[in-house]
Amino acid sequence: MPVYLIKNGSHVDKAFKVYGGHEIVRAGDQGTVETLDPLSDEMLAALERDGVEVSEGDAKPAAPSGPVAQHRGGGRYFVMDGDVPLGEAMSKDDAEAFNALSDEDKAAFLKKD
């Protein structure tokens, strides 16, 4: 799977299809994404018009350790352990809060469900 370094200079967040859902690079932020398929020339041109710089990465992003909340489409976020959803759908804010927790706090959160 191709890896890209993304510098989002646009005024809106940009989503990229990755294994297990989508990864978002926020407006004004940068990140490394490993996409399912190579970005097409048309997609790269559209991103460039929007002020998004895309370059090929040479290393895979570090895999998150343990469960992580991911966007699964339709505005729904789930805590995932690999490909397995754990618990019920949550809001984007709740997903971001979950991902900011320590491993111990994540385990405690999942234990109460």
PDB file of N, CA and C in Angstrom:
ATOM      1  N   MET A   1       0.846  -1.174   0.000  1.00  0.00           N
ATOM      2  CA  MET A   1       0.000   0.000   0.000  1.00  0.00           C
ATOM      3  C   MET A   1       0.894   1.240   0.000  1.00  0.00           C
ATOM      4  N   PRO A   2       0.578   2.206  -0.850  1.00  0.00           N
ATOM      5  CA  PRO A   2       1.413   3.400  -0.953  1.00  0.00           C
ATOM      6  C   PRO A   2       1.310   4.307   0.275  1.00  0.00           C
ATOM      7  N   VAL A   3       2.425   4.934   0.599  1.00  0.00           N
ATOM      8  CA  VAL A   3       2.500   5.854   1.733  1.00  0.00           C
ATOM      9  C   VAL A   3       2.752   7.258   1.187  1.00  0.00           C
ATOM     10  N   TYR A   4       1.986   8.227   1.696  1.00  0.00           N
ATOM     11  CA  TYR A   4       2.116   9.614   1.251  1.00  0.00           C
ATOM     12  C   TYR A   4       2.306  10.534   2.445  1.00  0.00           C
ATOM     13  N   LEU A   5       3.114  11.566   2.230  1.00  0.00           N
ATOM     14  CA  LEU A   5       3.241  12.659   3.191  1.00  0.00           C
ATOM     15  C   LEU A   5       2.312  13.758   2.697  1.00  0.00           C
ATOM     16  N   ILE A   6       1.379  14.181   3.538  1.00  0.00           N
ATOM     17  CA  ILE A   6       0.353  15.147   3.164  1.00  0.00           C
ATOM     18  C   ILE A   6       0.544  16.418   3.979  1.00  0.00           C
ATOM     19  N   LYS A   7       0.630  17.562   3.298  1.00  0.00           N
ATOM     20  CA  LYS A   7       0.650  18.871   3.963  1.00  0.00           C
ATOM     21  C   LYS A   7      -0.593  19.602   3.484  1.00  0.00           C
ATOM     22  N   ASN A   8      -1.612  19.662   4.344  1.00  0.00           N
ATOM     23  CA  ASN A   8      -2.911  20.203   3.965  1.00  0.00           C
ATOM     24  C   ASN A   8      -2.931  21.720   4.155  1.00  0.00           C
ATOM     25  N   GLY A   9      -2.690  22.449   3.071  1.00  0.00           N
ATOM     26  CA  GLY A   9      -2.722  23.904   3.104  1.00  0.00           C
ATOM     27  C   GLY A   9      -4.083  24.476   2.745  1.00  0.00           C
ATOM     28  N   SER A  10      -5.084  23.615   2.603  1.00  0.00           N
ATOM     29  CA  SER A  10      -6.425  24.091   2.253  1.00  0.00           C
ATOM     30  C   SER A  10      -7.171  24.522   3.514  1.00  0.00           C
ATOM     31  N   HIS A  11      -8.392  25.006   3.316  1.00  0.00           N
ATOM     32  CA  HIS A  11      -9.210  25.470   4.438  1.00  0.00           C
ATOM     33  C   HIS A  11     -10.168  24.401   4.941  1.00  0.00           C
ATOM     34  N   VAL A  12     -10.105  23.204   4.359  1.00  0.00           N
ATOM     35  CA  VAL A  12     -10.991  22.113   4.777  1.00  0.00           C
ATOM     36  C   VAL A  12     -10.163  20.858   5.034  1.00  0.00           C
ATOM     37  N   ASP A  13     -10.676  19.993   5.892  1.00  0.00           N
ATOM     38  CA  ASP A  13     -10.032  18.717   6.165  1.00  0.00           C
ATOM     39  C   ASP A  13     -10.081  17.854   4.910  1.00  0.00           C
ATOM     40  N   LYS A  14      -9.093  16.986   4.749  1.00  0.00           N
ATOM     41  CA  LYS A  14      -9.048  16.069   3.610  1.00  0.00           C
ATOM     42  C   LYS A  14      -9.017  14.637   4.141  1.00  0.00           C
ATOM     43  N   ALA A  15      -9.859  13.781   3.555  1.00  0.00           N
ATOM     44  CA  ALA A  15      -9.948  12.381   3.973  1.00  0.00           C
ATOM     45  C   ALA A  15      -9.317  11.493   2.913  1.00  0.00           C
ATOM     46  N   PHE A  16      -8.621  10.466   3.373  1.00  0.00           N
ATOM     47  CA  PHE A  16      -7.976   9.510   2.489  1.00  0.00           C
ATOM     48  C   PHE A  16      -8.421   8.111   2.886  1.00  0.00           C
ATOM     49  N   LYS A  17      -8.753   7.296   1.885  1.00  0.00           N
ATOM     50  CA  LYS A  17      -9.215   5.938   2.148  1.00  0.00           C
ATOM     51  C   LYS A  17      -8.014   5.078   2.531  1.00  0.00           C
ATOM     52  N   VAL A  18      -8.100   4.512   3.725  1.00  0.00           N
ATOM     53  CA  VAL A  18      -7.048   3.652   4.250  1.00  0.00           C
ATOM     54  C   VAL A  18      -7.665   2.323   4.667  1.00  0.00           C
ATOM     55  N   TYR A  19      -6.831   1.373   4.957  1.00  0.00           N
ATOM     56  CA  TYR A  19      -7.316   0.079   5.406  1.00  0.00           C
ATOM     57  C   TYR A  19      -8.131   0.274   6.679  1.00  0.00           C
ATOM     58  N   GLY A  20      -9.369  -0.170   6.671  1.00  0.00           N
ATOM     59  CA  GLY A  20     -10.231  -0.072   7.845  1.00  0.00           C
ATOM     60  C   GLY A  20     -11.071   1.188   7.908  1.00  0.00           C
ATOM     61  N   GLY A  21     -11.024   2.050   6.902  1.00  0.00           N
ATOM     62  CA  GLY A  21     -11.855   3.257   6.942  1.00  0.00           C
ATOM     63  C   GLY A  21     -11.206   4.426   6.233  1.00  0.00           C
ATOM     64  N   HIS A  22     -11.185   5.572   6.900  1.00  0.00           N
ATOM     65  CA  HIS A  22     -10.620   6.794   6.342  1.00  0.00           C
ATOM     66  C   HIS A  22      -9.711   7.446   7.369  1.00  0.00           C
ATOM     67  N   GLU A  23      -8.685   8.113   6.867  1.00  0.00           N
ATOM     68  CA  GLU A  23      -7.817   8.899   7.738  1.00  0.00           C
ATOM     69  C   GLU A  23      -7.924  10.349   7.293  1.00  0.00           C
ATOM     70  N   ILE A  24      -8.093  11.236   8.238  1.00  0.00           N
ATOM     71  CA  ILE A  24      -8.301  12.649   7.933  1.00  0.00           C
ATOM     72  C   ILE A  24      -7.046  13.439   8.281  1.00  0.00           C
ATOM     73  N   VAL A  25      -6.639  14.291   7.333  1.00  0.00           N
ATOM     74  CA  VAL A  25      -5.580  15.261   7.594  1.00  0.00           C
ATOM     75  C   VAL A  25      -6.282  16.611   7.699  1.00  0.00           C
ATOM     76  N   ARG A  26      -6.251  17.183   8.872  1.00  0.00           N
ATOM     77  CA  ARG A  26      -6.981  18.414   9.158  1.00  0.00           C
ATOM     78  C   ARG A  26      -6.404  19.598   8.377  1.00  0.00           C
ATOM     79  N   ALA A  27      -7.253  20.581   8.119  1.00  0.00           N
ATOM     80  CA  ALA A  27      -6.832  21.803   7.430  1.00  0.00           C
ATOM     81  C   ALA A  27      -5.682  22.445   8.194  1.00  0.00           C
ATOM     82  N   GLY A  28      -4.624  22.825   7.470  1.00  0.00           N
ATOM     83  CA  GLY A  28      -3.472  23.458   8.090  1.00  0.00           C
ATOM     84  C   GLY A  28      -2.534  22.502   8.791  1.00  0.00           C
ATOM     85  N   ASP A  29      -2.794  21.211   8.705  1.00  0.00           N
ATOM     86  CA  ASP A  29      -1.988  20.208   9.403  1.00  0.00           C
ATOM     87  C   ASP A  29      -1.251  19.354   8.381  1.00  0.00           C
ATOM     88  N   GLN A  30      -0.408  18.472   8.864  1.00  0.00           N
ATOM     89  CA  GLN A  30       0.269  17.531   7.984  1.00  0.00           C
ATOM     90  C   GLN A  30       0.255  16.156   8.614  1.00  0.00           C
ATOM     91  N   GLY A  31       0.419  15.147   7.781  1.00  0.00           N
ATOM     92  CA  GLY A  31       0.399  13.790   8.292  1.00  0.00           C
ATOM     93  C   GLY A  31       0.902  12.801   7.259  1.00  0.00           C
ATOM     94  N   THR A  32       1.089  11.579   7.703  1.00  0.00           N
ATOM     95  CA  THR A  32       1.502  10.482   6.844  1.00  0.00           C
ATOM     96  C   THR A  32       0.343   9.511   6.756  1.00  0.00           C
ATOM     97  N   VAL A  33      -0.043   9.149   5.538  1.00  0.00           N
ATOM     98  CA  VAL A  33      -1.141   8.208   5.349  1.00  0.00           C
ATOM     99  C   VAL A  33      -0.695   7.077   4.434  1.00  0.00           C
ATOM    100  N   GLU A  34      -1.195   5.899   4.733  1.00  0.00           N
ATOM    101  CA  GLU A  34      -0.959   4.722   3.901  1.00  0.00           C
ATOM    102  C   GLU A  34      -2.293   4.380   3.253  1.00  0.00           C
ATOM    103  N   THR A  35      -2.444   4.720   1.977  1.00  0.00           N
ATOM    104  CA  THR A  35      -3.711   4.539   1.280  1.00  0.00           C
ATOM    105  C   THR A  35      -3.854   3.120   0.756  1.00  0.00           C
ATOM    106  N   LEU A  36      -5.105   2.731   0.505  1.00  0.00           N
ATOM    107  CA  LEU A  36      -5.354   1.408  -0.062  1.00  0.00           C
ATOM    108  C   LEU A  36      -4.797   1.295  -1.470  1.00  0.00           C
ATOM    109  N   ASP A  37      -5.000   2.343  -2.271  1.00  0.00           N
ATOM    110  CA  ASP A  37      -4.566   2.358  -3.665  1.00  0.00           C
ATOM    111  C   ASP A  37      -3.761   3.621  -3.918  1.00  0.00           C
ATOM    112  N   PRO A  38      -2.914   3.606  -4.946  1.00  0.00           N
ATOM    113  CA  PRO A  38      -2.196   4.835  -5.290  1.00  0.00           C
ATOM    114  C   PRO A  38      -3.176   5.951  -5.652  1.00  0.00           C
ATOM    115  N   LEU A  39      -2.830   7.182  -5.307  1.00  0.00           N
ATOM    116  CA  LEU A  39      -3.652   8.330  -5.682  1.00  0.00           C
ATOM    117  C   LEU A  39      -3.498   8.560  -7.183  1.00  0.00           C
ATOM    118  N   SER A  40      -4.610   8.742  -7.871  1.00  0.00           N
ATOM    119  CA  SER A  40      -4.586   8.942  -9.322  1.00  0.00           C
ATOM    120  C   SER A  40      -4.019  10.319  -9.658  1.00  0.00           C
ATOM    121  N   ASP A  41      -3.603  10.483 -10.909  1.00  0.00           N
ATOM    122  CA  ASP A  41      -3.113  11.788 -11.358  1.00  0.00           C
ATOM    123  C   ASP A  41      -4.187  12.853 -11.202  1.00  0.00           C
ATOM    124  N   GLU A  42      -5.444  12.477 -11.463  1.00  0.00           N
ATOM    125  CA  GLU A  42      -6.553  13.420 -11.322  1.00  0.00           C
ATOM    126  C   GLU A  42      -6.729  13.846  -9.867  1.00  0.00           C
ATOM    127  N   MET A  43      -6.622  12.896  -8.953  1.00  0.00           N
ATOM    128  CA  MET A  43      -6.753  13.204  -7.527  1.00  0.00           C
ATOM    129  C   MET A  43      -5.600  14.092  -7.064  1.00  0.00           C
ATOM    130  N   LEU A  44      -4.387  13.776  -7.505  1.00  0.00           N
ATOM    131  CA  LEU A  44      -3.233  14.591  -7.131  1.00  0.00           C
ATOM    132  C   LEU A  44      -3.380  16.019  -7.654  1.00  0.00           C
ATOM    133  N   ALA A  45      -3.884  16.168  -8.892  1.00  0.00           N
ATOM    134  CA  ALA A  45      -4.091  17.503  -9.460  1.00  0.00           C
ATOM    135  C   ALA A  45      -5.155  18.273  -8.677  1.00  0.00           C
ATOM    136  N   ALA A  46      -6.236  17.593  -8.297  1.00  0.00           N
ATOM    137  CA  ALA A  46      -7.302  18.243  -7.524  1.00  0.00           C
ATOM    138  C   ALA A  46      -6.787  18.677  -6.153  1.00  0.00           C
ATOM    139  N   LEU A  47      -6.010  17.833  -5.506  1.00  0.00           N
ATOM    140  CA  LEU A  47      -5.446  18.189  -4.205  1.00  0.00           C
ATOM    141  C   LEU A  47      -4.515  19.393  -4.336  1.00  0.00           C
ATOM    142  N   GLU A  48      -3.702  19.397  -5.391  1.00  0.00           N
ATOM    143  CA  GLU A  48      -2.782  20.515  -5.609  1.00  0.00           C
ATOM    144  C   GLU A  48      -3.545  21.824  -5.816  1.00  0.00           C
ATOM    145  N   ARG A  49      -4.646  21.777  -6.568  1.00  0.00           N
ATOM    146  CA  ARG A  49      -5.466  22.984  -6.774  1.00  0.00           C
ATOM    147  C   ARG A  49      -6.036  23.500  -5.457  1.00  0.00           C
ATOM    148  N   ASP A  50      -6.275  22.583  -4.516  1.00  0.00           N
ATOM    149  CA  ASP A  50      -6.821  22.964  -3.208  1.00  0.00           C
ATOM    150  C   ASP A  50      -5.741  23.407  -2.222  1.00  0.00           C
ATOM    151  N   GLY A  51      -4.477  23.402  -2.650  1.00  0.00           N
ATOM    152  CA  GLY A  51      -3.401  23.820  -1.760  1.00  0.00           C
ATOM    153  C   GLY A  51      -2.844  22.707  -0.895  1.00  0.00           C
ATOM    154  N   VAL A  52      -3.054  21.462  -1.320  1.00  0.00           N
ATOM    155  CA  VAL A  52      -2.562  20.312  -0.567  1.00  0.00           C
ATOM    156  C   VAL A  52      -1.308  19.782  -1.249  1.00  0.00           C
ATOM    157  N   GLU A  53      -0.215  19.710  -0.505  1.00  0.00           N
ATOM    158  CA  GLU A  53       1.035  19.169  -1.035  1.00  0.00           C
ATOM    159  C   GLU A  53       1.102  17.683  -0.704  1.00  0.00           C
ATOM    160  N   VAL A  54       1.357  16.868  -1.725  1.00  0.00           N
ATOM    161  CA  VAL A  54       1.444  15.422  -1.556  1.00  0.00           C
ATOM    162  C   VAL A  54       2.800  14.964  -2.063  1.00  0.00           C
ATOM    163  N   SER A  55       3.521  14.216  -1.248  1.00  0.00           N
ATOM    164  CA  SER A  55       4.772  13.609  -1.688  1.00  0.00           C
ATOM    165  C   SER A  55       4.787  12.162  -1.223  1.00  0.00           C
ATOM    166  N   GLU A  56       5.565  11.358  -1.925  1.00  0.00           N
ATOM    167  CA  GLU A  56       5.633   9.944  -1.567  1.00  0.00           C
ATOM    168  C   GLU A  56       6.449   9.783  -0.299  1.00  0.00           C
ATOM    169  N   GLY A  57       5.936   8.976   0.601  1.00  0.00           N
ATOM    170  CA  GLY A  57       6.647   8.668   1.831  1.00  0.00           C
ATOM    171  C   GLY A  57       7.470   7.412   1.642  1.00  0.00           C
ATOM    172  N   ASP A  58       8.531   7.280   2.416  1.00  0.00           N
ATOM    173  CA  ASP A  58       9.368   6.101   2.276  1.00  0.00           C
ATOM    174  C   ASP A  58       9.256   5.169   3.465  1.00  0.00           C
ATOM    175  N   ALA A  59       8.408   5.514   4.404  1.00  0.00           N
ATOM    176  CA  ALA A  59       8.226   4.656   5.575  1.00  0.00           C
ATOM    177  C   ALA A  59       6.747   4.574   5.904  1.00  0.00           C
ATOM    178  N   LYS A  60       6.349   3.433   6.386  1.00  0.00           N
ATOM    179  CA  LYS A  60       4.960   3.270   6.808  1.00  0.00           C
ATOM    180  C   LYS A  60       4.751   4.016   8.118  1.00  0.00           C
ATOM    181  N   PRO A  61       3.558   4.599   8.304  1.00  0.00           N
ATOM    182  CA  PRO A  61       3.292   5.240   9.590  1.00  0.00           C
ATOM    183  C   PRO A  61       3.259   4.194  10.703  1.00  0.00           C
ATOM    184  N   ALA A  62       3.619   4.624  11.876  1.00  0.00           N
ATOM    185  CA  ALA A  62       3.604   3.700  13.009  1.00  0.00           C
ATOM    186  C   ALA A  62       2.187   3.207  13.254  1.00  0.00           C
ATOM    187  N   ALA A  63       2.059   1.910  13.412  1.00  0.00           N
ATOM    188  CA  ALA A  63       0.740   1.335  13.685  1.00  0.00           C
ATOM    189  C   ALA A  63       0.333   1.685  15.109  1.00  0.00           C
ATOM    190  N   PRO A  64      -0.907   2.096  15.298  1.00  0.00           N
ATOM    191  CA  PRO A  64      -1.338   2.409  16.655  1.00  0.00           C
ATOM    192  C   PRO A  64      -1.316   1.152  17.521  1.00  0.00           C
ATOM    193  N   SER A  65      -0.929   1.336  18.768  1.00  0.00           N
ATOM    194  CA  SER A  65      -0.912   0.190  19.666  1.00  0.00           C
ATOM    195  C   SER A  65      -2.268   0.067  20.338  1.00  0.00           C
ATOM    196  N   GLY A  66      -2.811  -1.131  20.326  1.00  0.00           N
ATOM    197  CA  GLY A  66      -4.090  -1.366  20.978  1.00  0.00           C
ATOM    198  C   GLY A  66      -5.251  -0.788  20.204  1.00  0.00           C
ATOM    199  N   PRO A  67      -6.402  -0.725  20.846  1.00  0.00           N
ATOM    200  CA  PRO A  67      -7.614  -0.234  20.192  1.00  0.00           C
ATOM    201  C   PRO A  67      -7.498   1.242  19.809  1.00  0.00           C
ATOM    202  N   VAL A  68      -8.118   1.589  18.691  1.00  0.00           N
ATOM    203  CA  VAL A  68      -8.106   2.965  18.209  1.00  0.00           C
ATOM    204  C   VAL A  68      -9.473   3.281  17.605  1.00  0.00           C
ATOM    205  N   ALA A  69      -9.968   4.492  17.834  1.00  0.00           N
ATOM    206  CA  ALA A  69     -11.248   4.909  17.252  1.00  0.00           C
ATOM    207  C   ALA A  69     -11.005   5.362  15.821  1.00  0.00           C
ATOM    208  N   GLN A  70     -11.798   4.819  14.885  1.00  0.00           N
ATOM    209  CA  GLN A  70     -11.637   5.130  13.469  1.00  0.00           C
ATOM    210  C   GLN A  70     -12.975   5.464  12.841  1.00  0.00           C
ATOM    211  N   HIS A  71     -12.912   6.302  11.805  1.00  0.00           N
ATOM    212  CA  HIS A  71     -14.099   6.628  11.016  1.00  0.00           C
ATOM    213  C   HIS A  71     -14.434   5.421  10.148  1.00  0.00           C
ATOM    214  N   ARG A  72     -15.691   5.000  10.175  1.00  0.00           N
ATOM    215  CA  ARG A  72     -16.113   3.828   9.406  1.00  0.00           C
ATOM    216  C   ARG A  72     -17.155   4.187   8.358  1.00  0.00           C
ATOM    217  N   GLY A  73     -17.295   5.475   8.055  1.00  0.00           N
ATOM    218  CA  GLY A  73     -18.238   5.915   7.039  1.00  0.00           C
ATOM    219  C   GLY A  73     -19.540   6.380   7.654  1.00  0.00           C
ATOM    220  N   GLY A  74     -20.253   7.210   6.923  1.00  0.00           N
ATOM    221  CA  GLY A  74     -21.553   7.689   7.377  1.00  0.00           C
ATOM    222  C   GLY A  74     -21.501   8.526   8.636  1.00  0.00           C
ATOM    223  N   GLY A  75     -20.351   9.141   8.908  1.00  0.00           N
ATOM    224  CA  GLY A  75     -20.226   9.960  10.108  1.00  0.00           C
ATOM    225  C   GLY A  75     -20.122   9.158  11.392  1.00  0.00           C
ATOM    226  N   ARG A  76     -19.912   7.837  11.264  1.00  0.00           N
ATOM    227  CA  ARG A  76     -19.836   6.979  12.453  1.00  0.00           C
ATOM    228  C   ARG A  76     -18.388   6.604  12.746  1.00  0.00           C
ATOM    229  N   TYR A  77     -18.062   6.610  14.020  1.00  0.00           N
ATOM    230  CA  TYR A  77     -16.739   6.227  14.491  1.00  0.00           C
ATOM    231  C   TYR A  77     -16.906   5.044  15.433  1.00  0.00           C
ATOM    232  N   PHE A  78     -15.981   4.104  15.335  1.00  0.00           N
ATOM    233  CA  PHE A  78     -15.994   2.935  16.202  1.00  0.00           C
ATOM    234  C   PHE A  78     -14.602   2.720  16.762  1.00  0.00           C
ATOM    235  N   VAL A  79     -14.545   2.190  17.979  1.00  0.00           N
ATOM    236  CA  VAL A  79     -13.279   1.735  18.520  1.00  0.00           C
ATOM    237  C   VAL A  79     -12.995   0.406  17.840  1.00  0.00           C
ATOM    238  N   MET A  80     -11.809   0.307  17.238  1.00  0.00           N
ATOM    239  CA  MET A  80     -11.451  -0.877  16.474  1.00  0.00           C
ATOM    240  C   MET A  80     -10.235  -1.550  17.095  1.00  0.00           C
ATOM    241  N   ASP A  81     -10.270  -2.869  17.103  1.00  0.00           N
ATOM    242  CA  ASP A  81      -9.103  -3.672  17.447  1.00  0.00           C
ATOM    243  C   ASP A  81      -8.762  -4.423  16.173  1.00  0.00           C
ATOM    244  N   GLY A  82      -7.881  -3.853  15.366  1.00  0.00           N
ATOM    245  CA  GLY A  82      -7.634  -4.383  14.028  1.00  0.00           C
ATOM    246  C   GLY A  82      -8.851  -4.108  13.164  1.00  0.00           C
ATOM    247  N   ASP A  83      -9.499  -5.176  12.685  1.00  0.00           N
ATOM    248  CA  ASP A  83     -10.706  -5.039  11.860  1.00  0.00           C
ATOM    249  C   ASP A  83     -11.980  -5.251  12.659  1.00  0.00           C
ATOM    250  N   VAL A  84     -11.862  -5.491  13.947  1.00  0.00           N
ATOM    251  CA  VAL A  84     -13.018  -5.841  14.772  1.00  0.00           C
ATOM    252  C   VAL A  84     -13.517  -4.615  15.541  1.00  0.00           C
ATOM    253  N   PRO A  85     -14.776  -4.187  15.285  1.00  0.00           N
ATOM    254  CA  PRO A  85     -15.312  -3.067  16.060  1.00  0.00           C
ATOM    255  C   PRO A  85     -15.625  -3.494  17.491  1.00  0.00           C
ATOM    256  N   LEU A  86     -15.312  -2.618  18.429  1.00  0.00           N
ATOM    257  CA  LEU A  86     -15.576  -2.873  19.843  1.00  0.00           C
ATOM    258  C   LEU A  86     -16.588  -1.844  20.322  1.00  0.00           C
ATOM    259  N   GLY A  87     -17.733  -2.282  20.762  1.00  0.00           N
ATOM    260  CA  GLY A  87     -18.724  -1.352  21.293  1.00  0.00           C
ATOM    261  C   GLY A  87     -19.575  -0.702  20.224  1.00  0.00           C
ATOM    262  N   GLU A  88     -20.244   0.373  20.625  1.00  0.00           N
ATOM    263  CA  GLU A  88     -21.211   1.075  19.780  1.00  0.00           C
ATOM    264  C   GLU A  88     -20.555   2.238  19.036  1.00  0.00           C
ATOM    265  N   ALA A  89     -21.281   2.780  18.054  1.00  0.00           N
ATOM    266  CA  ALA A  89     -20.815   3.949  17.311  1.00  0.00           C
ATOM    267  C   ALA A  89     -20.689   5.140  18.254  1.00  0.00           C
ATOM    268  N   MET A  90     -19.768   6.047  17.915  1.00  0.00           N
ATOM    269  CA  MET A  90     -19.565   7.239  18.731  1.00  0.00           C
ATOM    270  C   MET A  90     -19.382   8.451  17.825  1.00  0.00           C
ATOM    271  N   SER A  91     -19.463   9.619  18.417  1.00  0.00           N
ATOM    272  CA  SER A  91     -19.289  10.861  17.666  1.00  0.00           C
ATOM    273  C   SER A  91     -17.808  11.086  17.365  1.00  0.00           C
ATOM    274  N   LYS A  92     -17.548  12.008  16.458  1.00  0.00           N
ATOM    275  CA  LYS A  92     -16.181  12.369  16.105  1.00  0.00           C
ATOM    276  C   LYS A  92     -15.435  12.897  17.329  1.00  0.00           C
ATOM    277  N   ASP A  93     -16.095  13.754  18.118  1.00  0.00           N
ATOM    278  CA  ASP A  93     -15.459  14.307  19.316  1.00  0.00           C
ATOM    279  C   ASP A  93     -15.107  13.212  20.316  1.00  0.00           C
ATOM    280  N   ASP A  94     -16.037  12.250  20.505  1.00  0.00           N
ATOM    281  CA  ASP A  94     -15.767  11.139  21.416  1.00  0.00           C
ATOM    282  C   ASP A  94     -14.620  10.274  20.897  1.00  0.00           C
ATOM    283  N   ALA A  95     -14.569  10.075  19.576  1.00  0.00           N
ATOM    284  CA  ALA A  95     -13.496   9.271  18.988  1.00  0.00           C
ATOM    285  C   ALA A  95     -12.143   9.942  19.202  1.00  0.00           C
ATOM    286  N   GLU A  96     -12.080  11.255  18.987  1.00  0.00           N
ATOM    287  CA  GLU A  96     -10.827  11.977  19.201  1.00  0.00           C
ATOM    288  C   GLU A  96     -10.415  11.931  20.667  1.00  0.00           C
ATOM    289  N   ALA A  97     -11.388  12.049  21.562  1.00  0.00           N
ATOM    290  CA  ALA A  97     -11.093  11.973  22.999  1.00  0.00           C
ATOM    291  C   ALA A  97     -10.582  10.584  23.362  1.00  0.00           C
ATOM    292  N   PHE A  98     -11.199   9.537  22.796  1.00  0.00           N
ATOM    293  CA  PHE A  98     -10.753   8.172  23.073  1.00  0.00           C
ATOM    294  C   PHE A  98      -9.309   7.985  22.618  1.00  0.00           C
ATOM    295  N   ASN A  99      -8.988   8.444  21.406  1.00  0.00           N
ATOM    296  CA  ASN A  99      -7.637   8.259  20.878  1.00  0.00           C
ATOM    297  C   ASN A  99      -6.589   9.011  21.689  1.00  0.00           C
ATOM    298  N   ALA A 100      -6.991  10.051  22.411  1.00  0.00           N
ATOM    299  CA  ALA A 100      -6.057  10.818  23.239  1.00  0.00           C
ATOM    300  C   ALA A 100      -5.798  10.160  24.597  1.00  0.00           C
ATOM    301  N   LEU A 101      -6.587   9.143  24.944  1.00  0.00           N
ATOM    302  CA  LEU A 101      -6.437   8.467  26.236  1.00  0.00           C
ATOM    303  C   LEU A 101      -5.163   7.633  26.283  1.00  0.00           C
ATOM    304  N   SER A 102      -4.672   7.401  27.495  1.00  0.00           N
ATOM    305  CA  SER A 102      -3.555   6.475  27.689  1.00  0.00           C
ATOM    306  C   SER A 102      -4.061   5.049  27.471  1.00  0.00           C
ATOM    307  N   ASP A 103      -3.148   4.111  27.299  1.00  0.00           N
ATOM    308  CA  ASP A 103      -3.539   2.712  27.104  1.00  0.00           C
ATOM    309  C   ASP A 103      -4.349   2.190  28.287  1.00  0.00           C
ATOM    310  N   GLU A 104      -3.984   2.611  29.501  1.00  0.00           N
ATOM    311  CA  GLU A 104      -4.708   2.160  30.689  1.00  0.00           C
ATOM    312  C   GLU A 104      -6.136   2.704  30.700  1.00  0.00           C
ATOM    313  N   ASP A 105      -6.279   3.984  30.341  1.00  0.00           N
ATOM    314  CA  ASP A 105      -7.613   4.592  30.311  1.00  0.00           C
ATOM    315  C   ASP A 105      -8.477   3.997  29.201  1.00  0.00           C
ATOM    316  N   LYS A 106      -7.848   3.659  28.070  1.00  0.00           N
ATOM    317  CA  LYS A 106      -8.594   2.998  26.989  1.00  0.00           C
ATOM    318  C   LYS A 106      -9.124   1.650  27.465  1.00  0.00           C
ATOM    319  N   ALA A 107      -8.281   0.902  28.164  1.00  0.00           N
ATOM    320  CA  ALA A 107      -8.699  -0.408  28.672  1.00  0.00           C
ATOM    321  C   ALA A 107      -9.850  -0.258  29.661  1.00  0.00           C
ATOM    322  N   ALA A 108      -9.773   0.746  30.534  1.00  0.00           N
ATOM    323  CA  ALA A 108     -10.850   0.978  31.503  1.00  0.00           C
ATOM    324  C   ALA A 108     -12.136   1.380  30.793  1.00  0.00           C
ATOM    325  N   PHE A 109     -12.036   2.209  29.769  1.00  0.00           N
ATOM    326  CA  PHE A 109     -13.212   2.625  29.002  1.00  0.00           C
ATOM    327  C   PHE A 109     -13.880   1.416  28.354  1.00  0.00           C
ATOM    328  N   LEU A 110     -13.094   0.555  27.755  1.00  0.00           N
ATOM    329  CA  LEU A 110     -13.650  -0.615  27.073  1.00  0.00           C
ATOM    330  C   LEU A 110     -14.206  -1.636  28.054  1.00  0.00           C
ATOM    331  N   LYS A 111     -13.626  -1.700  29.232  1.00  0.00           N
ATOM    332  CA  LYS A 111     -14.077  -2.667  30.236  1.00  0.00           C
ATOM    333  C   LYS A 111     -15.480  -2.345  30.731  1.00  0.00           C
ATOM    334  N   LYS A 112     -15.835  -1.053  30.801  1.00  0.00           N
ATOM    335  CA  LYS A 112     -17.153  -0.690  31.323  1.00  0.00           C
ATOM    336  C   LYS A 112     -18.261  -0.956  30.316  1.00  0.00           C
ATOM    337  N   ASP A 113     -17.933  -1.178  29.025  1.00  0.00           N
ATOM    338  CA  ASP A 113     -18.961  -1.477  28.013  1.00  0.00           C
ATOM    339  C   ASP A 113     -19.355  -2.892  28.058  1.00  0.00           C
TER     340      ASP A 113
END
